[in-house]
């Protein structure tokens, strides 16, 4: 009986040993392929991350050298410490002219939203009309050509004269500088709609509303969103300069107030904050534009 049991155990053990040998051989040869795969995946990541890291390191090094040469420029470390203090409580309020940087950014964004929204409400329909009708295009083209190159800040005194207050004057400056890219890009998009589409609409005797909603709007949308993206960048640039001149609450006023206090680290922090907010606004509109391109819809 014991001999039979030994034979059965030996027979059962042989495949196990064979399986173990096979698995060992597989395990010994397997790591070569994943290692090569990992290397192939890491290389594009390194190529994508290395240039930005080197760029930031170069800026920090240059900044450090300038701070050593000039006693008025704070070093990156000093600025970073001040940034920690500022952003640890960005929404404090100690008075109408002493508020945290968060409130100032929100006040600027509110002005941009109002001025930009008014510009979109006027500029986009106007762009459709100018692009659709040649008479209106010939009528408004000289006016747009003359007014578009005017500096936005040149309109600020007109706003102060008309509205008698700094806040609506700043909104007016944003409105007048934001409207031109939306008008021009929308009109160009309408004019570039293929003539075959319009011929089909004429044959089918479509109404002007049908032409607008079924033909023009889908075709013009990428151009229109490009104009919107350009306008929001311009609006954010203008509000900072306008608030420096008009005062009140806002990131531009905050920068000017810190300059009057000779607080250079806070000015540098505000510059980075302005850049990050502007980048966020632009990237949000870029994502929106990509979502409505023909390639995205077809995929």
C-alpha atoms as a PDB file:
ATOM      1  CA  UNK A   1       0.000   0.000   0.000  1.00  0.00           C
ATOM      2  CA  UNK A   2       2.800   2.389   0.910  1.00  0.00           C
ATOM      3  CA  UNK A   3       4.551   1.581  -2.380  1.00  0.00           C
ATOM      4  CA  UNK A   4       1.424   2.475  -4.372  1.00  0.00           C
ATOM      5  CA  UNK A   5       1.119   5.726  -2.475  1.00  0.00           C
ATOM      6  CA  UNK A   6       4.757   6.567  -3.149  1.00  0.00           C
ATOM      7  CA  UNK A   7       4.283   5.936  -6.871  1.00  0.00           C
ATOM      8  CA  UNK A   8       1.183   8.130  -6.946  1.00  0.00           C
ATOM      9  CA  UNK A   9       3.041  10.902  -5.131  1.00  0.00           C
ATOM     10  CA  UNK A  10       5.964  10.632  -7.533  1.00  0.00           C
ATOM     11  CA  UNK A  11       3.632  10.745 -10.545  1.00  0.00           C
ATOM     12  CA  UNK A  12       1.823  13.828  -9.131  1.00  0.00           C
ATOM     13  CA  UNK A  13       5.085  15.543  -8.286  1.00  0.00           C
ATOM     14  CA  UNK A  14       6.619  15.179 -11.763  1.00  0.00           C
ATOM     15  CA  UNK A  15       4.202  17.537 -13.583  1.00  0.00           C
ATOM     16  CA  UNK A  16       4.495  20.025 -10.749  1.00  0.00           C
ATOM     17  CA  UNK A  17       8.239  20.065 -11.148  1.00  0.00           C
ATOM     18  CA  UNK A  18       7.827  20.444 -14.889  1.00  0.00           C
ATOM     19  CA  UNK A  19       5.385  23.297 -14.425  1.00  0.00           C
ATOM     20  CA  UNK A  20       7.701  24.972 -11.974  1.00  0.00           C
ATOM     21  CA  UNK A  21      10.582  24.620 -14.436  1.00  0.00           C
ATOM     22  CA  UNK A  22       8.474  26.085 -17.264  1.00  0.00           C
ATOM     23  CA  UNK A  23       7.236  28.978 -15.118  1.00  0.00           C
ATOM     24  CA  UNK A  24      10.780  29.652 -13.986  1.00  0.00           C
ATOM     25  CA  UNK A  25      11.930  29.763 -17.591  1.00  0.00           C
ATOM     26  CA  UNK A  26       9.055  32.071 -18.528  1.00  0.00           C
ATOM     27  CA  UNK A  27       9.741  34.280 -15.515  1.00  0.00           C
ATOM     28  CA  UNK A  28      13.406  34.446 -16.436  1.00  0.00           C
ATOM     29  CA  UNK A  29      12.691  35.535 -20.002  1.00  0.00           C
ATOM     30  CA  UNK A  30       9.639  37.809 -19.339  1.00  0.00           C
ATOM     31  CA  UNK A  31      11.252  40.952 -17.869  1.00  0.00           C
ATOM     32  CA  UNK A  32      13.114  41.787 -21.097  1.00  0.00           C
ATOM     33  CA  UNK A  33       9.934  42.830 -22.972  1.00  0.00           C
ATOM     34  CA  UNK A  34       8.337  44.986 -20.214  1.00  0.00           C
ATOM     35  CA  UNK A  35      11.649  46.760 -19.612  1.00  0.00           C
ATOM     36  CA  UNK A  36      11.853  47.714 -23.274  1.00  0.00           C
ATOM     37  CA  UNK A  37       8.221  48.819 -23.168  1.00  0.00           C
ATOM     38  CA  UNK A  38       8.844  50.954 -20.114  1.00  0.00           C
ATOM     39  CA  UNK A  39      11.824  52.594 -21.777  1.00  0.00           C
ATOM     40  CA  UNK A  40       9.772  53.347 -24.888  1.00  0.00           C
ATOM     41  CA  UNK A  41       7.060  54.933 -22.742  1.00  0.00           C
ATOM     42  CA  UNK A  42       9.435  56.929 -20.553  1.00  0.00           C
ATOM     43  CA  UNK A  43      11.303  58.518 -23.467  1.00  0.00           C
ATOM     44  CA  UNK A  44       8.338  60.554 -24.807  1.00  0.00           C
ATOM     45  CA  UNK A  45       7.462  61.601 -21.255  1.00  0.00           C
ATOM     46  CA  UNK A  46      10.995  62.819 -20.631  1.00  0.00           C
ATOM     47  CA  UNK A  47      11.073  64.634 -23.956  1.00  0.00           C
ATOM     48  CA  UNK A  48       7.786  66.331 -23.061  1.00  0.00           C
ATOM     49  CA  UNK A  49       8.743  67.290 -19.489  1.00  0.00           C
ATOM     50  CA  UNK A  50      12.417  68.147 -19.873  1.00  0.00           C
ATOM     51  CA  UNK A  51      12.112  71.330 -21.995  1.00  0.00           C
ATOM     52  CA  UNK A  52       9.566  73.043 -19.663  1.00  0.00           C
ATOM     53  CA  UNK A  53      11.594  72.082 -16.591  1.00  0.00           C
ATOM     54  CA  UNK A  54      14.759  73.464 -18.167  1.00  0.00           C
ATOM     55  CA  UNK A  55      12.891  76.618 -19.169  1.00  0.00           C
ATOM     56  CA  UNK A  56      11.652  77.217 -15.618  1.00  0.00           C
ATOM     57  CA  UNK A  57      15.117  76.485 -14.230  1.00  0.00           C
ATOM     58  CA  UNK A  58      16.643  78.973 -16.679  1.00  0.00           C
ATOM     59  CA  UNK A  59      14.179  81.704 -15.652  1.00  0.00           C
ATOM     60  CA  UNK A  60      14.798  81.063 -11.950  1.00  0.00           C
ATOM     61  CA  UNK A  61      18.568  81.148 -12.476  1.00  0.00           C
ATOM     62  CA  UNK A  62      18.343  84.386 -14.454  1.00  0.00           C
ATOM     63  CA  UNK A  63      16.051  85.846 -11.804  1.00  0.00           C
ATOM     64  CA  UNK A  64      18.501  84.880  -9.055  1.00  0.00           C
ATOM     65  CA  UNK A  65      21.401  86.506 -10.912  1.00  0.00           C
ATOM     66  CA  UNK A  66      19.418  89.717 -11.425  1.00  0.00           C
ATOM     67  CA  UNK A  67      18.439  89.800  -7.745  1.00  0.00           C
ATOM     68  CA  UNK A  68      22.105  89.476  -6.756  1.00  0.00           C
ATOM     69  CA  UNK A  69      23.144  92.280  -9.103  1.00  0.00           C
ATOM     70  CA  UNK A  70      20.221  94.567  -8.184  1.00  0.00           C
ATOM     71  CA  UNK A  71      19.284  95.107  -4.562  1.00  0.00           C
ATOM     72  CA  UNK A  72      15.762  96.251  -5.485  1.00  0.00           C
ATOM     73  CA  UNK A  73      14.733  92.919  -7.053  1.00  0.00           C
ATOM     74  CA  UNK A  74      13.852  90.192  -4.531  1.00  0.00           C
ATOM     75  CA  UNK A  75      15.177  86.681  -5.042  1.00  0.00           C
ATOM     76  CA  UNK A  76      12.902  83.784  -6.018  1.00  0.00           C
ATOM     77  CA  UNK A  77      13.115  82.393  -2.477  1.00  0.00           C
ATOM     78  CA  UNK A  78      12.041  85.669  -0.885  1.00  0.00           C
ATOM     79  CA  UNK A  79       9.189  86.003  -3.362  1.00  0.00           C
ATOM     80  CA  UNK A  80       8.079  82.425  -2.732  1.00  0.00           C
ATOM     81  CA  UNK A  81       7.942  83.072   1.033  1.00  0.00           C
ATOM     82  CA  UNK A  82       5.835  86.186   0.464  1.00  0.00           C
ATOM     83  CA  UNK A  83       3.543  84.203  -1.861  1.00  0.00           C
ATOM     84  CA  UNK A  84       2.920  81.654   0.882  1.00  0.00           C
ATOM     85  CA  UNK A  85       1.898  84.468   3.227  1.00  0.00           C
ATOM     86  CA  UNK A  86      -0.355  86.143   0.641  1.00  0.00           C
ATOM     87  CA  UNK A  87      -2.158  83.002  -0.498  1.00  0.00           C
ATOM     88  CA  UNK A  88      -2.552  81.625   3.008  1.00  0.00           C
ATOM     89  CA  UNK A  89      -5.342  84.214   3.455  1.00  0.00           C
ATOM     90  CA  UNK A  90      -6.261  85.629   0.023  1.00  0.00           C
ATOM     91  CA  UNK A  91      -9.776  86.740   1.028  1.00  0.00           C
ATOM     92  CA  UNK A  92      -9.182  88.921   4.078  1.00  0.00           C
ATOM     93  CA  UNK A  93     -10.868  92.324   4.387  1.00  0.00           C
ATOM     94  CA  UNK A  94      -9.553  95.151   6.535  1.00  0.00           C
ATOM     95  CA  UNK A  95     -11.189  98.018   4.707  1.00  0.00           C
ATOM     96  CA  UNK A  96     -12.308  99.139   1.233  1.00  0.00           C
ATOM     97  CA  UNK A  97      -8.722  99.637   0.052  1.00  0.00           C
ATOM     98  CA  UNK A  98      -7.121  96.824   2.044  1.00  0.00           C
ATOM     99  CA  UNK A  99      -8.354  93.475   0.746  1.00  0.00           C
ATOM    100  CA  UNK A 100      -6.730  90.170  -0.106  1.00  0.00           C
ATOM    101  CA  UNK A 101      -5.499  89.350  -3.580  1.00  0.00           C
ATOM    102  CA  UNK A 102      -8.384  86.903  -4.065  1.00  0.00           C
ATOM    103  CA  UNK A 103     -11.005  89.662  -3.786  1.00  0.00           C
ATOM    104  CA  UNK A 104      -9.035  91.844  -6.197  1.00  0.00           C
ATOM    105  CA  UNK A 105      -8.822  89.064  -8.797  1.00  0.00           C
ATOM    106  CA  UNK A 106     -12.540  88.357  -8.457  1.00  0.00           C
ATOM    107  CA  UNK A 107     -13.363  92.054  -8.883  1.00  0.00           C
ATOM    108  CA  UNK A 108     -11.293  92.177 -12.078  1.00  0.00           C
ATOM    109  CA  UNK A 109     -12.906  89.000 -13.394  1.00  0.00           C
ATOM    110  CA  UNK A 110     -16.347  90.458 -12.719  1.00  0.00           C
ATOM    111  CA  UNK A 111     -15.544  93.557 -14.803  1.00  0.00           C
ATOM    112  CA  UNK A 112     -14.104  91.385 -17.568  1.00  0.00           C
ATOM    113  CA  UNK A 113     -17.184  89.163 -17.571  1.00  0.00           C
ATOM    114  CA  UNK A 114     -19.567  92.120 -17.904  1.00  0.00           C
ATOM    115  CA  UNK A 115     -17.575  93.957 -20.567  1.00  0.00           C
ATOM    116  CA  UNK A 116     -16.756  90.805 -22.488  1.00  0.00           C
ATOM    117  CA  UNK A 117     -20.360  89.575 -22.327  1.00  0.00           C
ATOM    118  CA  UNK A 118     -21.657  92.871 -23.693  1.00  0.00           C
ATOM    119  CA  UNK A 119     -19.053  92.774 -26.473  1.00  0.00           C
ATOM    120  CA  UNK A 120     -20.109  89.242 -27.430  1.00  0.00           C
ATOM    121  CA  UNK A 121     -23.793  90.177 -27.385  1.00  0.00           C
ATOM    122  CA  UNK A 122     -23.133  93.048 -29.796  1.00  0.00           C
ATOM    123  CA  UNK A 123     -20.105  91.873 -31.771  1.00  0.00           C
ATOM    124  CA  UNK A 124     -21.144  88.365 -32.808  1.00  0.00           C
ATOM    125  CA  UNK A 125     -24.548  89.325 -34.323  1.00  0.00           C
ATOM    126  CA  UNK A 126     -22.882  92.327 -35.949  1.00  0.00           C
ATOM    127  CA  UNK A 127     -20.247  90.046 -37.453  1.00  0.00           C
ATOM    128  CA  UNK A 128     -22.964  87.808 -38.928  1.00  0.00           C
ATOM    129  CA  UNK A 129     -24.695  90.819 -40.487  1.00  0.00           C
ATOM    130  CA  UNK A 130     -21.494  92.304 -41.900  1.00  0.00           C
ATOM    131  CA  UNK A 131     -20.420  88.979 -43.344  1.00  0.00           C
ATOM    132  CA  UNK A 132     -23.852  88.183 -44.750  1.00  0.00           C
ATOM    133  CA  UNK A 133     -24.711  91.460 -46.470  1.00  0.00           C
ATOM    134  CA  UNK A 134     -22.247  93.227 -48.726  1.00  0.00           C
ATOM    135  CA  UNK A 135     -23.879  96.613 -48.195  1.00  0.00           C
ATOM    136  CA  UNK A 136     -23.300  96.443 -44.441  1.00  0.00           C
ATOM    137  CA  UNK A 137     -19.760  95.172 -44.997  1.00  0.00           C
ATOM    138  CA  UNK A 138     -18.951  98.151 -47.224  1.00  0.00           C
ATOM    139  CA  UNK A 139     -20.646 100.471 -44.732  1.00  0.00           C
ATOM    140  CA  UNK A 140     -18.847  99.348 -41.569  1.00  0.00           C
ATOM    141  CA  UNK A 141     -15.446  98.257 -42.902  1.00  0.00           C
ATOM    142  CA  UNK A 142     -13.956 101.795 -42.928  1.00  0.00           C
ATOM    143  CA  UNK A 143     -15.221 102.448 -39.396  1.00  0.00           C
ATOM    144  CA  UNK A 144     -13.748  99.186 -38.075  1.00  0.00           C
ATOM    145  CA  UNK A 145     -10.462  99.803 -39.878  1.00  0.00           C
ATOM    146  CA  UNK A 146     -10.114 103.206 -38.208  1.00  0.00           C
ATOM    147  CA  UNK A 147     -11.212 102.279 -34.681  1.00  0.00           C
ATOM    148  CA  UNK A 148      -9.639  98.835 -34.330  1.00  0.00           C
ATOM    149  CA  UNK A 149      -5.993 100.025 -34.038  1.00  0.00           C
ATOM    150  CA  UNK A 150      -6.847 102.578 -31.312  1.00  0.00           C
ATOM    151  CA  UNK A 151      -5.319 101.696 -27.952  1.00  0.00           C
ATOM    152  CA  UNK A 152      -7.986 100.507 -25.513  1.00  0.00           C
ATOM    153  CA  UNK A 153      -6.756 102.908 -22.848  1.00  0.00           C
ATOM    154  CA  UNK A 154      -7.443 105.804 -25.198  1.00  0.00           C
ATOM    155  CA  UNK A 155     -11.149 105.000 -24.759  1.00  0.00           C
ATOM    156  CA  UNK A 156     -10.939 105.209 -20.966  1.00  0.00           C
ATOM    157  CA  UNK A 157     -11.289 109.028 -20.736  1.00  0.00           C
ATOM    158  CA  UNK A 158     -14.390 108.809 -22.939  1.00  0.00           C
ATOM    159  CA  UNK A 159     -15.855 106.284 -20.507  1.00  0.00           C
ATOM    160  CA  UNK A 160     -15.036 108.496 -17.522  1.00  0.00           C
ATOM    161  CA  UNK A 161     -16.616 111.459 -19.289  1.00  0.00           C
ATOM    162  CA  UNK A 162     -19.810 109.603 -20.166  1.00  0.00           C
ATOM    163  CA  UNK A 163     -20.335 107.407 -17.086  1.00  0.00           C
ATOM    164  CA  UNK A 164     -18.815 109.710 -14.421  1.00  0.00           C
ATOM    165  CA  UNK A 165     -17.510 106.661 -12.519  1.00  0.00           C
ATOM    166  CA  UNK A 166     -14.438 104.431 -12.655  1.00  0.00           C
ATOM    167  CA  UNK A 167     -16.138 101.029 -12.634  1.00  0.00           C
ATOM    168  CA  UNK A 168     -18.387 101.496 -15.707  1.00  0.00           C
ATOM    169  CA  UNK A 169     -15.526 103.293 -17.464  1.00  0.00           C
ATOM    170  CA  UNK A 170     -13.329 100.206 -17.017  1.00  0.00           C
ATOM    171  CA  UNK A 171     -16.126  97.978 -18.315  1.00  0.00           C
ATOM    172  CA  UNK A 172     -16.503 100.311 -21.298  1.00  0.00           C
ATOM    173  CA  UNK A 173     -12.772  99.990 -22.075  1.00  0.00           C
ATOM    174  CA  UNK A 174     -13.071  96.182 -21.977  1.00  0.00           C
ATOM    175  CA  UNK A 175     -16.147  96.292 -24.189  1.00  0.00           C
ATOM    176  CA  UNK A 176     -14.611  98.469 -26.873  1.00  0.00           C
ATOM    177  CA  UNK A 177     -11.364  96.474 -27.060  1.00  0.00           C
ATOM    178  CA  UNK A 178     -13.077  93.064 -27.034  1.00  0.00           C
ATOM    179  CA  UNK A 179     -15.634  93.697 -29.728  1.00  0.00           C
ATOM    180  CA  UNK A 180     -13.323  93.999 -32.753  1.00  0.00           C
ATOM    181  CA  UNK A 181     -11.867  90.453 -32.850  1.00  0.00           C
ATOM    182  CA  UNK A 182     -15.355  88.973 -32.533  1.00  0.00           C
ATOM    183  CA  UNK A 183     -16.795  91.144 -35.295  1.00  0.00           C
ATOM    184  CA  UNK A 184     -13.909  90.527 -37.696  1.00  0.00           C
ATOM    185  CA  UNK A 185     -13.542  86.770 -37.141  1.00  0.00           C
ATOM    186  CA  UNK A 186     -17.287  86.158 -37.309  1.00  0.00           C
ATOM    187  CA  UNK A 187     -17.621  88.195 -40.509  1.00  0.00           C
ATOM    188  CA  UNK A 188     -14.675  86.379 -42.111  1.00  0.00           C
ATOM    189  CA  UNK A 189     -16.232  83.035 -41.165  1.00  0.00           C
ATOM    190  CA  UNK A 190     -19.534  83.998 -42.801  1.00  0.00           C
ATOM    191  CA  UNK A 191     -17.787  85.173 -45.961  1.00  0.00           C
ATOM    192  CA  UNK A 192     -15.874  81.890 -46.215  1.00  0.00           C
ATOM    193  CA  UNK A 193     -18.956  79.678 -46.172  1.00  0.00           C
ATOM    194  CA  UNK A 194     -18.872  77.730 -49.488  1.00  0.00           C
ATOM    195  CA  UNK A 195     -21.055  79.309 -52.123  1.00  0.00           C
ATOM    196  CA  UNK A 196     -22.486  75.874 -52.976  1.00  0.00           C
ATOM    197  CA  UNK A 197     -24.182  75.818 -49.573  1.00  0.00           C
ATOM    198  CA  UNK A 198     -25.825  79.166 -50.245  1.00  0.00           C
ATOM    199  CA  UNK A 199     -26.901  78.042 -53.724  1.00  0.00           C
ATOM    200  CA  UNK A 200     -28.595  74.983 -52.256  1.00  0.00           C
ATOM    201  CA  UNK A 201     -30.336  77.193 -49.691  1.00  0.00           C
ATOM    202  CA  UNK A 202     -31.559  79.452 -52.508  1.00  0.00           C
ATOM    203  CA  UNK A 203     -32.843  76.469 -54.501  1.00  0.00           C
ATOM    204  CA  UNK A 204     -34.672  75.109 -51.462  1.00  0.00           C
ATOM    205  CA  UNK A 205     -36.054  78.598 -50.765  1.00  0.00           C
ATOM    206  CA  UNK A 206     -34.891  78.518 -47.166  1.00  0.00           C
ATOM    207  CA  UNK A 207     -35.754  81.412 -44.905  1.00  0.00           C
ATOM    208  CA  UNK A 208     -33.020  83.673 -43.542  1.00  0.00           C
ATOM    209  CA  UNK A 209     -33.464  82.085 -40.116  1.00  0.00           C
ATOM    210  CA  UNK A 210     -32.966  78.598 -41.560  1.00  0.00           C
ATOM    211  CA  UNK A 211     -29.860  79.767 -43.419  1.00  0.00           C
ATOM    212  CA  UNK A 212     -28.493  81.242 -40.209  1.00  0.00           C
ATOM    213  CA  UNK A 213     -29.174  78.240 -37.973  1.00  0.00           C
ATOM    214  CA  UNK A 214     -28.609  75.360 -40.419  1.00  0.00           C
ATOM    215  CA  UNK A 215     -25.803  76.664 -42.649  1.00  0.00           C
ATOM    216  CA  UNK A 216     -24.046  79.753 -41.330  1.00  0.00           C
ATOM    217  CA  UNK A 217     -23.826  79.043 -37.607  1.00  0.00           C
ATOM    218  CA  UNK A 218     -22.271  75.538 -37.858  1.00  0.00           C
ATOM    219  CA  UNK A 219     -19.772  76.742 -40.455  1.00  0.00           C
ATOM    220  CA  UNK A 220     -18.856  79.980 -38.668  1.00  0.00           C
ATOM    221  CA  UNK A 221     -18.580  78.529 -35.155  1.00  0.00           C
ATOM    222  CA  UNK A 222     -14.806  77.779 -35.283  1.00  0.00           C
ATOM    223  CA  UNK A 223     -14.075  81.308 -36.554  1.00  0.00           C
ATOM    224  CA  UNK A 224     -16.378  82.819 -33.959  1.00  0.00           C
ATOM    225  CA  UNK A 225     -14.725  80.941 -31.094  1.00  0.00           C
ATOM    226  CA  UNK A 226     -11.301  82.056 -32.325  1.00  0.00           C
ATOM    227  CA  UNK A 227     -12.505  85.650 -32.088  1.00  0.00           C
ATOM    228  CA  UNK A 228     -13.850  84.990 -28.598  1.00  0.00           C
ATOM    229  CA  UNK A 229     -10.512  83.540 -27.505  1.00  0.00           C
ATOM    230  CA  UNK A 230      -8.597  86.538 -28.841  1.00  0.00           C
ATOM    231  CA  UNK A 231     -11.041  88.918 -27.202  1.00  0.00           C
ATOM    232  CA  UNK A 232     -10.793  87.395 -23.728  1.00  0.00           C
ATOM    233  CA  UNK A 233      -7.008  87.680 -23.789  1.00  0.00           C
ATOM    234  CA  UNK A 234      -7.221  91.316 -24.812  1.00  0.00           C
ATOM    235  CA  UNK A 235      -9.877  92.036 -22.181  1.00  0.00           C
ATOM    236  CA  UNK A 236      -7.726  90.608 -19.398  1.00  0.00           C
ATOM    237  CA  UNK A 237      -4.765  92.711 -20.545  1.00  0.00           C
ATOM    238  CA  UNK A 238      -6.849  95.882 -20.628  1.00  0.00           C
ATOM    239  CA  UNK A 239      -8.490  95.511 -17.228  1.00  0.00           C
ATOM    240  CA  UNK A 240      -5.144  95.466 -15.419  1.00  0.00           C
ATOM    241  CA  UNK A 241      -4.028  98.701 -17.080  1.00  0.00           C
ATOM    242  CA  UNK A 242      -7.442 100.341 -16.668  1.00  0.00           C
ATOM    243  CA  UNK A 243      -7.574  99.554 -12.956  1.00  0.00           C
ATOM    244  CA  UNK A 244      -4.149 101.099 -12.470  1.00  0.00           C
ATOM    245  CA  UNK A 245      -5.579 104.372 -13.762  1.00  0.00           C
ATOM    246  CA  UNK A 246      -9.045 104.279 -12.203  1.00  0.00           C
ATOM    247  CA  UNK A 247      -8.274 102.766  -8.788  1.00  0.00           C
ATOM    248  CA  UNK A 248     -10.763 100.914  -6.616  1.00  0.00           C
ATOM    249  CA  UNK A 249     -10.706  97.157  -6.068  1.00  0.00           C
ATOM    250  CA  UNK A 250      -9.010  95.007  -8.698  1.00  0.00           C
ATOM    251  CA  UNK A 251      -5.756  93.280  -9.460  1.00  0.00           C
ATOM    252  CA  UNK A 252      -4.488  96.273 -11.446  1.00  0.00           C
ATOM    253  CA  UNK A 253      -5.154  98.619  -8.542  1.00  0.00           C
ATOM    254  CA  UNK A 254      -3.543  96.080  -6.200  1.00  0.00           C
ATOM    255  CA  UNK A 255      -0.350  96.138  -8.278  1.00  0.00           C
ATOM    256  CA  UNK A 256      -0.288  99.943  -8.317  1.00  0.00           C
ATOM    257  CA  UNK A 257      -0.957 100.131  -4.580  1.00  0.00           C
ATOM    258  CA  UNK A 258       1.903  97.733  -3.872  1.00  0.00           C
ATOM    259  CA  UNK A 259       4.161  99.868  -6.062  1.00  0.00           C
ATOM    260  CA  UNK A 260       3.249 102.928  -3.998  1.00  0.00           C
ATOM    261  CA  UNK A 261       4.225 100.914  -0.922  1.00  0.00           C
ATOM    262  CA  UNK A 262       7.475  99.839  -2.678  1.00  0.00           C
ATOM    263  CA  UNK A 263       6.538  96.204  -2.053  1.00  0.00           C
ATOM    264  CA  UNK A 264       8.291  94.636  -5.043  1.00  0.00           C
ATOM    265  CA  UNK A 265       7.766  90.975  -4.013  1.00  0.00           C
ATOM    266  CA  UNK A 266       3.993  91.523  -4.045  1.00  0.00           C
ATOM    267  CA  UNK A 267       4.224  93.083  -7.512  1.00  0.00           C
ATOM    268  CA  UNK A 268       6.057  90.044  -8.847  1.00  0.00           C
ATOM    269  CA  UNK A 269       3.508  87.741  -7.211  1.00  0.00           C
ATOM    270  CA  UNK A 270       0.698  89.732  -8.843  1.00  0.00           C
ATOM    271  CA  UNK A 271       2.406  89.403 -12.239  1.00  0.00           C
ATOM    272  CA  UNK A 272       2.453  85.623 -11.912  1.00  0.00           C
ATOM    273  CA  UNK A 273      -1.163  85.602 -10.683  1.00  0.00           C
ATOM    274  CA  UNK A 274      -2.275  87.724 -13.648  1.00  0.00           C
ATOM    275  CA  UNK A 275      -0.447  85.405 -16.034  1.00  0.00           C
ATOM    276  CA  UNK A 276      -1.974  82.261 -14.518  1.00  0.00           C
ATOM    277  CA  UNK A 277      -5.515  83.657 -14.606  1.00  0.00           C
ATOM    278  CA  UNK A 278      -5.068  84.780 -18.227  1.00  0.00           C
ATOM    279  CA  UNK A 279      -3.672  81.379 -19.174  1.00  0.00           C
ATOM    280  CA  UNK A 280      -6.603  79.629 -17.494  1.00  0.00           C
ATOM    281  CA  UNK A 281      -9.149  81.768 -19.344  1.00  0.00           C
ATOM    282  CA  UNK A 282      -7.466  81.214 -22.694  1.00  0.00           C
ATOM    283  CA  UNK A 283      -7.043  77.463 -22.234  1.00  0.00           C
ATOM    284  CA  UNK A 284     -10.693  77.117 -21.220  1.00  0.00           C
ATOM    285  CA  UNK A 285     -11.743  78.791 -24.461  1.00  0.00           C
ATOM    286  CA  UNK A 286      -9.255  76.701 -26.470  1.00  0.00           C
ATOM    287  CA  UNK A 287     -10.846  73.550 -25.075  1.00  0.00           C
ATOM    288  CA  UNK A 288     -14.278  74.927 -25.932  1.00  0.00           C
ATOM    289  CA  UNK A 289     -13.153  75.710 -29.474  1.00  0.00           C
ATOM    290  CA  UNK A 290     -11.706  72.220 -29.940  1.00  0.00           C
ATOM    291  CA  UNK A 291     -14.954  70.688 -28.761  1.00  0.00           C
ATOM    292  CA  UNK A 292     -16.851  72.438 -31.546  1.00  0.00           C
ATOM    293  CA  UNK A 293     -14.482  71.899 -34.470  1.00  0.00           C
ATOM    294  CA  UNK A 294     -15.604  69.672 -37.306  1.00  0.00           C
ATOM    295  CA  UNK A 295     -12.891  67.104 -36.564  1.00  0.00           C
ATOM    296  CA  UNK A 296     -14.143  66.627 -33.008  1.00  0.00           C
ATOM    297  CA  UNK A 297     -17.776  66.335 -34.126  1.00  0.00           C
ATOM    298  CA  UNK A 298     -16.983  63.786 -36.809  1.00  0.00           C
ATOM    299  CA  UNK A 299     -14.938  61.617 -34.467  1.00  0.00           C
END
